[in-house]
């Protein structure tokens, strides 16, 4: 998936998937100017179609695999 991380607007727990209501980890900015939010599951499911209509995809799914409160090797 082509991704662009936008540090100025990180996704929060209040951001919900437009498909199922779960916490959103992907923001898709559309070429038409709107945006869609998806959980990791629906982001993967709709990836081929989203790539065709996206100007930008903000992917924060890596947060699902990192343990909260643990420092990476680079941070230690």
PDB file of N, CA and C in Angstrom:
ATOM      1  N   UNK A   1       0.841  -1.164   0.000  1.00  0.00           N
ATOM      2  CA  UNK A   1       0.000   0.000   0.000  1.00  0.00           C
ATOM      3  C   UNK A   1       0.891   1.233   0.000  1.00  0.00           C
ATOM      4  N   UNK A   2       0.622   2.197  -0.829  1.00  0.00           N
ATOM      5  CA  UNK A   2       1.362   3.447  -0.844  1.00  0.00           C
ATOM      6  C   UNK A   2       0.891   4.265   0.341  1.00  0.00           C
ATOM      7  N   UNK A   3       1.824   4.685   1.176  1.00  0.00           N
ATOM      8  CA  UNK A   3       1.428   5.392   2.380  1.00  0.00           C
ATOM      9  C   UNK A   3       2.173   6.699   2.514  1.00  0.00           C
ATOM     10  N   UNK A   4       1.520   7.632   3.140  1.00  0.00           N
ATOM     11  CA  UNK A   4       2.134   8.896   3.504  1.00  0.00           C
ATOM     12  C   UNK A   4       1.730   9.141   4.946  1.00  0.00           C
ATOM     13  N   UNK A   5       2.695   9.246   5.819  1.00  0.00           N
ATOM     14  CA  UNK A   5       2.373   9.527   7.205  1.00  0.00           C
ATOM     15  C   UNK A   5       2.297  11.028   7.404  1.00  0.00           C
ATOM     16  N   UNK A   6       1.251  11.462   8.026  1.00  0.00           N
ATOM     17  CA  UNK A   6       1.038  12.874   8.260  1.00  0.00           C
ATOM     18  C   UNK A   6       1.119  13.139   9.759  1.00  0.00           C
ATOM     19  N   UNK A   7       2.295  13.471  10.265  1.00  0.00           N
ATOM     20  CA  UNK A   7       2.464  13.629  11.699  1.00  0.00           C
ATOM     21  C   UNK A   7       1.587  14.712  12.310  1.00  0.00           C
ATOM     22  N   UNK A   8       1.159  15.673  11.525  1.00  0.00           N
ATOM     23  CA  UNK A   8       0.356  16.773  12.059  1.00  0.00           C
ATOM     24  C   UNK A   8      -1.038  16.309  12.472  1.00  0.00           C
ATOM     25  N   UNK A   9      -1.501  15.178  11.965  1.00  0.00           N
ATOM     26  CA  UNK A   9      -2.850  14.726  12.291  1.00  0.00           C
ATOM     27  C   UNK A   9      -2.884  13.219  12.549  1.00  0.00           C
ATOM     28  N   UNK A  10      -2.266  12.769  13.646  1.00  0.00           N
ATOM     29  CA  UNK A  10      -2.289  11.337  13.931  1.00  0.00           C
ATOM     30  C   UNK A  10      -3.702  10.873  14.258  1.00  0.00           C
ATOM     31  N   UNK A  11      -3.982   9.622  13.956  1.00  0.00           N
ATOM     32  CA  UNK A  11      -5.278   9.048  14.272  1.00  0.00           C
ATOM     33  C   UNK A  11      -5.362   8.782  15.773  1.00  0.00           C
ATOM     34  N   UNK A  12      -6.535   8.960  16.338  1.00  0.00           N
ATOM     35  CA  UNK A  12      -6.744   8.750  17.770  1.00  0.00           C
ATOM     36  C   UNK A  12      -7.802   7.673  17.987  1.00  0.00           C
ATOM     37  N   UNK A  13      -8.016   7.304  19.226  1.00  0.00           N
ATOM     38  CA  UNK A  13      -9.037   6.307  19.556  1.00  0.00           C
ATOM     39  C   UNK A  13     -10.434   6.793  19.184  1.00  0.00           C
ATOM     40  N   UNK A  14     -10.613   8.081  19.030  1.00  0.00           N
ATOM     41  CA  UNK A  14     -11.909   8.632  18.647  1.00  0.00           C
ATOM     42  C   UNK A  14     -12.187   8.462  17.151  1.00  0.00           C
ATOM     43  N   UNK A  15     -11.163   8.205  16.354  1.00  0.00           N
ATOM     44  CA  UNK A  15     -11.335   7.998  14.914  1.00  0.00           C
ATOM     45  C   UNK A  15     -11.827   6.573  14.695  1.00  0.00           C
ATOM     46  N   UNK A  16     -12.958   6.426  14.014  1.00  0.00           N
ATOM     47  CA  UNK A  16     -13.601   5.139  13.854  1.00  0.00           C
ATOM     48  C   UNK A  16     -13.707   4.749  12.385  1.00  0.00           C
ATOM     49  N   UNK A  17     -13.642   3.443  12.137  1.00  0.00           N
ATOM     50  CA  UNK A  17     -13.747   2.890  10.786  1.00  0.00           C
ATOM     51  C   UNK A  17     -15.110   3.226  10.195  1.00  0.00           C
ATOM     52  N   UNK A  18     -15.115   3.741   8.980  1.00  0.00           N
ATOM     53  CA  UNK A  18     -16.363   4.086   8.309  1.00  0.00           C
ATOM     54  C   UNK A  18     -17.174   2.845   7.927  1.00  0.00           C
ATOM     55  N   UNK A  19     -16.555   1.698   7.919  1.00  0.00           N
ATOM     56  CA  UNK A  19     -17.238   0.463   7.534  1.00  0.00           C
ATOM     57  C   UNK A  19     -17.866  -0.250   8.727  1.00  0.00           C
ATOM     58  N   UNK A  20     -17.105  -0.375   9.859  1.00  0.00           N
ATOM     59  CA  UNK A  20     -17.603  -1.201  10.965  1.00  0.00           C
ATOM     60  C   UNK A  20     -17.619  -0.494  12.317  1.00  0.00           C
ATOM     61  N   UNK A  21     -17.002   0.669  12.434  1.00  0.00           N
ATOM     62  CA  UNK A  21     -17.000   1.393  13.690  1.00  0.00           C
ATOM     63  C   UNK A  21     -15.840   1.068  14.620  1.00  0.00           C
ATOM     64  N   UNK A  22     -14.969   0.140  14.235  1.00  0.00           N
ATOM     65  CA  UNK A  22     -13.787  -0.171  15.048  1.00  0.00           C
ATOM     66  C   UNK A  22     -12.804   1.001  14.984  1.00  0.00           C
ATOM     67  N   UNK A  23     -11.776   0.969  15.846  1.00  0.00           N
ATOM     68  CA  UNK A  23     -10.787   2.043  15.828  1.00  0.00           C
ATOM     69  C   UNK A  23     -10.095   2.092  14.477  1.00  0.00           C
ATOM     70  N   UNK A  24      -9.968   3.292  13.922  1.00  0.00           N
ATOM     71  CA  UNK A  24      -9.350   3.476  12.611  1.00  0.00           C
ATOM     72  C   UNK A  24      -7.838   3.563  12.731  1.00  0.00           C
ATOM     73  N   UNK A  25      -7.160   2.891  11.819  1.00  0.00           N
ATOM     74  CA  UNK A  25      -5.703   2.946  11.731  1.00  0.00           C
ATOM     75  C   UNK A  25      -5.246   3.398  10.349  1.00  0.00           C
ATOM     76  N   UNK A  26      -6.184   3.646   9.444  1.00  0.00           N
ATOM     77  CA  UNK A  26      -5.859   4.159   8.117  1.00  0.00           C
ATOM     78  C   UNK A  26      -6.771   5.322   7.778  1.00  0.00           C
ATOM     79  N   UNK A  27      -6.172   6.392   7.270  1.00  0.00           N
ATOM     80  CA  UNK A  27      -6.924   7.533   6.752  1.00  0.00           C
ATOM     81  C   UNK A  27      -6.624   7.603   5.265  1.00  0.00           C
ATOM     82  N   UNK A  28      -7.671   7.602   4.463  1.00  0.00           N
ATOM     83  CA  UNK A  28      -7.523   7.674   3.018  1.00  0.00           C
ATOM     84  C   UNK A  28      -8.061   9.025   2.559  1.00  0.00           C
ATOM     85  N   UNK A  29      -7.167   9.867   2.058  1.00  0.00           N
ATOM     86  CA  UNK A  29      -7.568  11.158   1.498  1.00  0.00           C
ATOM     87  C   UNK A  29      -7.851  10.906   0.023  1.00  0.00           C
ATOM     88  N   UNK A  30      -9.060  11.193  -0.378  1.00  0.00           N
ATOM     89  CA  UNK A  30      -9.493  10.906  -1.744  1.00  0.00           C
ATOM     90  C   UNK A  30      -9.063  11.999  -2.720  1.00  0.00           C
ATOM     91  N   UNK A  31      -8.896  11.596  -3.962  1.00  0.00           N
ATOM     92  CA  UNK A  31      -8.572  12.569  -5.014  1.00  0.00           C
ATOM     93  C   UNK A  31      -9.655  13.636  -5.118  1.00  0.00           C
ATOM     94  N   UNK A  32     -10.888  13.258  -4.785  1.00  0.00           N
ATOM     95  CA  UNK A  32     -12.009  14.197  -4.854  1.00  0.00           C
ATOM     96  C   UNK A  32     -12.037  15.176  -3.692  1.00  0.00           C
ATOM     97  N   UNK A  33     -11.157  14.952  -2.685  1.00  0.00           N
ATOM     98  CA  UNK A  33     -11.051  15.884  -1.576  1.00  0.00           C
ATOM     99  C   UNK A  33     -11.605  15.384  -0.256  1.00  0.00           C
ATOM    100  N   UNK A  34     -12.412  14.347  -0.251  1.00  0.00           N
ATOM    101  CA  UNK A  34     -12.939  13.808   1.001  1.00  0.00           C
ATOM    102  C   UNK A  34     -11.934  12.878   1.661  1.00  0.00           C
ATOM    103  N   UNK A  35     -12.356  12.254   2.744  1.00  0.00           N
ATOM    104  CA  UNK A  35     -11.499  11.275   3.390  1.00  0.00           C
ATOM    105  C   UNK A  35     -12.342  10.140   3.951  1.00  0.00           C
ATOM    106  N   UNK A  36     -11.713   8.980   4.039  1.00  0.00           N
ATOM    107  CA  UNK A  36     -12.327   7.795   4.618  1.00  0.00           C
ATOM    108  C   UNK A  36     -11.408   7.253   5.687  1.00  0.00           C
ATOM    109  N   UNK A  37     -11.989   6.663   6.728  1.00  0.00           N
ATOM    110  CA  UNK A  37     -11.220   6.042   7.797  1.00  0.00           C
ATOM    111  C   UNK A  37     -11.528   4.553   7.817  1.00  0.00           C
ATOM    112  N   UNK A  38     -10.495   3.733   8.034  1.00  0.00           N
ATOM    113  CA  UNK A  38     -10.686   2.288   8.065  1.00  0.00           C
ATOM    114  C   UNK A  38      -9.883   1.654   9.187  1.00  0.00           C
ATOM    115  N   UNK A  39     -10.433   0.577   9.750  1.00  0.00           N
ATOM    116  CA  UNK A  39      -9.667  -0.274  10.649  1.00  0.00           C
ATOM    117  C   UNK A  39      -8.654  -1.031   9.784  1.00  0.00           C
ATOM    118  N   UNK A  40      -7.727  -1.733  10.414  1.00  0.00           N
ATOM    119  CA  UNK A  40      -6.710  -2.461   9.648  1.00  0.00           C
ATOM    120  C   UNK A  40      -7.340  -3.517   8.756  1.00  0.00           C
ATOM    121  N   UNK A  41      -8.344  -4.232   9.268  1.00  0.00           N
ATOM    122  CA  UNK A  41      -9.000  -5.290   8.498  1.00  0.00           C
ATOM    123  C   UNK A  41      -9.621  -4.750   7.218  1.00  0.00           C
ATOM    124  N   UNK A  42     -10.425  -3.707   7.332  1.00  0.00           N
ATOM    125  CA  UNK A  42     -11.087  -3.167   6.143  1.00  0.00           C
ATOM    126  C   UNK A  42     -10.115  -2.407   5.242  1.00  0.00           C
ATOM    127  N   UNK A  43      -9.066  -1.836   5.811  1.00  0.00           N
ATOM    128  CA  UNK A  43      -8.032  -1.209   4.988  1.00  0.00           C
ATOM    129  C   UNK A  43      -7.378  -2.228   4.065  1.00  0.00           C
ATOM    130  N   UNK A  44      -7.050  -3.414   4.623  1.00  0.00           N
ATOM    131  CA  UNK A  44      -6.460  -4.483   3.801  1.00  0.00           C
ATOM    132  C   UNK A  44      -7.472  -5.011   2.790  1.00  0.00           C
ATOM    133  N   UNK A  45      -8.719  -5.179   3.230  1.00  0.00           N
ATOM    134  CA  UNK A  45      -9.756  -5.736   2.354  1.00  0.00           C
ATOM    135  C   UNK A  45      -9.991  -4.852   1.124  1.00  0.00           C
ATOM    136  N   UNK A  46     -10.009  -3.552   1.323  1.00  0.00           N
ATOM    137  CA  UNK A  46     -10.325  -2.619   0.231  1.00  0.00           C
ATOM    138  C   UNK A  46      -9.094  -1.977  -0.403  1.00  0.00           C
ATOM    139  N   UNK A  47      -7.905  -2.444  -0.050  1.00  0.00           N
ATOM    140  CA  UNK A  47      -6.658  -1.838  -0.522  1.00  0.00           C
ATOM    141  C   UNK A  47      -6.599  -1.635  -2.037  1.00  0.00           C
ATOM    142  N   UNK A  48      -6.894  -2.637  -2.866  1.00  0.00           N
ATOM    143  CA  UNK A  48      -6.776  -2.423  -4.316  1.00  0.00           C
ATOM    144  C   UNK A  48      -7.662  -1.277  -4.823  1.00  0.00           C
ATOM    145  N   UNK A  49      -8.881  -1.200  -4.318  1.00  0.00           N
ATOM    146  CA  UNK A  49      -9.791  -0.139  -4.750  1.00  0.00           C
ATOM    147  C   UNK A  49      -9.365   1.227  -4.203  1.00  0.00           C
ATOM    148  N   UNK A  50      -8.878   1.223  -2.968  1.00  0.00           N
ATOM    149  CA  UNK A  50      -8.472   2.491  -2.355  1.00  0.00           C
ATOM    150  C   UNK A  50      -7.290   3.115  -3.081  1.00  0.00           C
ATOM    151  N   UNK A  51      -6.350   2.290  -3.509  1.00  0.00           N
ATOM    152  CA  UNK A  51      -5.184   2.817  -4.228  1.00  0.00           C
ATOM    153  C   UNK A  51      -5.589   3.573  -5.492  1.00  0.00           C
ATOM    154  N   UNK A  52      -6.690   3.164  -6.109  1.00  0.00           N
ATOM    155  CA  UNK A  52      -7.148   3.800  -7.357  1.00  0.00           C
ATOM    156  C   UNK A  52      -7.740   5.182  -7.123  1.00  0.00           C
ATOM    157  N   UNK A  53      -8.273   5.423  -5.924  1.00  0.00           N
ATOM    158  CA  UNK A  53      -8.978   6.677  -5.677  1.00  0.00           C
ATOM    159  C   UNK A  53      -8.298   7.560  -4.633  1.00  0.00           C
ATOM    160  N   UNK A  54      -7.157   7.122  -4.112  1.00  0.00           N
ATOM    161  CA  UNK A  54      -6.505   7.851  -3.024  1.00  0.00           C
ATOM    162  C   UNK A  54      -5.461   8.842  -3.515  1.00  0.00           C
ATOM    163  N   UNK A  55      -5.483  10.028  -2.942  1.00  0.00           N
ATOM    164  CA  UNK A  55      -4.411  10.993  -3.153  1.00  0.00           C
ATOM    165  C   UNK A  55      -3.314  10.721  -2.133  1.00  0.00           C
ATOM    166  N   UNK A  56      -3.720  10.190  -0.964  1.00  0.00           N
ATOM    167  CA  UNK A  56      -2.789   9.938   0.137  1.00  0.00           C
ATOM    168  C   UNK A  56      -3.396   8.874   1.050  1.00  0.00           C
ATOM    169  N   UNK A  57      -2.560   7.990   1.555  1.00  0.00           N
ATOM    170  CA  UNK A  57      -3.006   7.006   2.540  1.00  0.00           C
ATOM    171  C   UNK A  57      -2.094   7.112   3.756  1.00  0.00           C
ATOM    172  N   UNK A  58      -2.688   7.414   4.878  1.00  0.00           N
ATOM    173  CA  UNK A  58      -1.971   7.486   6.152  1.00  0.00           C
ATOM    174  C   UNK A  58      -2.190   6.147   6.853  1.00  0.00           C
ATOM    175  N   UNK A  59      -1.136   5.368   6.996  1.00  0.00           N
ATOM    176  CA  UNK A  59      -1.221   4.021   7.545  1.00  0.00           C
ATOM    177  C   UNK A  59      -0.533   3.972   8.908  1.00  0.00           C
ATOM    178  N   UNK A  60      -1.300   3.748   9.951  1.00  0.00           N
ATOM    179  CA  UNK A  60      -0.758   3.647  11.301  1.00  0.00           C
ATOM    180  C   UNK A  60      -0.949   2.241  11.865  1.00  0.00           C
ATOM    181  N   UNK A  61      -1.072   1.247  11.004  1.00  0.00           N
ATOM    182  CA  UNK A  61      -1.309  -0.119  11.471  1.00  0.00           C
ATOM    183  C   UNK A  61      -0.128  -0.687  12.252  1.00  0.00           C
ATOM    184  N   UNK A  62       1.057  -0.111  12.121  1.00  0.00           N
ATOM    185  CA  UNK A  62       2.201  -0.607  12.888  1.00  0.00           C
ATOM    186  C   UNK A  62       1.965  -0.444  14.387  1.00  0.00           C
ATOM    187  N   UNK A  63       1.072   0.441  14.771  1.00  0.00           N
ATOM    188  CA  UNK A  63       0.748   0.626  16.187  1.00  0.00           C
ATOM    189  C   UNK A  63       0.088  -0.621  16.779  1.00  0.00           C
ATOM    190  N   UNK A  64      -0.470  -1.459  15.941  1.00  0.00           N
ATOM    191  CA  UNK A  64      -1.126  -2.679  16.423  1.00  0.00           C
ATOM    192  C   UNK A  64      -0.125  -3.721  16.900  1.00  0.00           C
ATOM    193  N   UNK A  65       1.094  -3.673  16.398  1.00  0.00           N
ATOM    194  CA  UNK A  65       2.096  -4.676  16.750  1.00  0.00           C
ATOM    195  C   UNK A  65       3.105  -4.193  17.774  1.00  0.00           C
ATOM    196  N   UNK A  66       3.104  -2.920  18.091  1.00  0.00           N
ATOM    197  CA  UNK A  66       4.042  -2.408  19.096  1.00  0.00           C
ATOM    198  C   UNK A  66       3.368  -2.426  20.457  1.00  0.00           C
ATOM    199  N   UNK A  67       4.094  -2.898  21.451  1.00  0.00           N
ATOM    200  CA  UNK A  67       3.561  -2.954  22.807  1.00  0.00           C
ATOM    201  C   UNK A  67       3.614  -1.568  23.436  1.00  0.00           C
ATOM    202  N   UNK A  68       2.537  -1.121  24.057  1.00  0.00           N
ATOM    203  CA  UNK A  68       2.556   0.198  24.679  1.00  0.00           C
ATOM    204  C   UNK A  68       3.546   0.245  25.839  1.00  0.00           C
ATOM    205  N   UNK A  69       4.258   1.355  25.935  1.00  0.00           N
ATOM    206  CA  UNK A  69       5.172   1.550  27.041  1.00  0.00           C
ATOM    207  C   UNK A  69       6.510   0.863  26.912  1.00  0.00           C
ATOM    208  N   UNK A  70       6.771   0.206  25.774  1.00  0.00           N
ATOM    209  CA  UNK A  70       8.083  -0.424  25.583  1.00  0.00           C
ATOM    210  C   UNK A  70       8.894   0.418  24.611  1.00  0.00           C
ATOM    211  N   UNK A  71      10.122   0.633  24.944  1.00  0.00           N
ATOM    212  CA  UNK A  71      11.015   1.428  24.101  1.00  0.00           C
ATOM    213  C   UNK A  71      11.652   0.548  23.042  1.00  0.00           C
ATOM    214  N   UNK A  72      11.787   1.086  21.865  1.00  0.00           N
ATOM    215  CA  UNK A  72      12.481   0.361  20.813  1.00  0.00           C
ATOM    216  C   UNK A  72      13.977   0.395  21.097  1.00  0.00           C
ATOM    217  N   UNK A  73      14.737  -0.421  20.382  1.00  0.00           N
ATOM    218  CA  UNK A  73      16.191  -0.445  20.568  1.00  0.00           C
ATOM    219  C   UNK A  73      16.801   0.924  20.309  1.00  0.00           C
ATOM    220  N   UNK A  74      16.228   1.665  19.370  1.00  0.00           N
ATOM    221  CA  UNK A  74      16.758   2.997  19.040  1.00  0.00           C
ATOM    222  C   UNK A  74      16.505   3.986  20.160  1.00  0.00           C
ATOM    223  N   UNK A  75      15.412   3.805  20.925  1.00  0.00           N
ATOM    224  CA  UNK A  75      15.060   4.738  21.977  1.00  0.00           C
ATOM    225  C   UNK A  75      15.818   4.460  23.276  1.00  0.00           C
ATOM    226  N   UNK A  76      16.367   3.257  23.429  1.00  0.00           N
ATOM    227  CA  UNK A  76      17.071   2.884  24.673  1.00  0.00           C
ATOM    228  C   UNK A  76      18.425   3.504  24.765  1.00  0.00           C
TER     229      UNK A  76
END
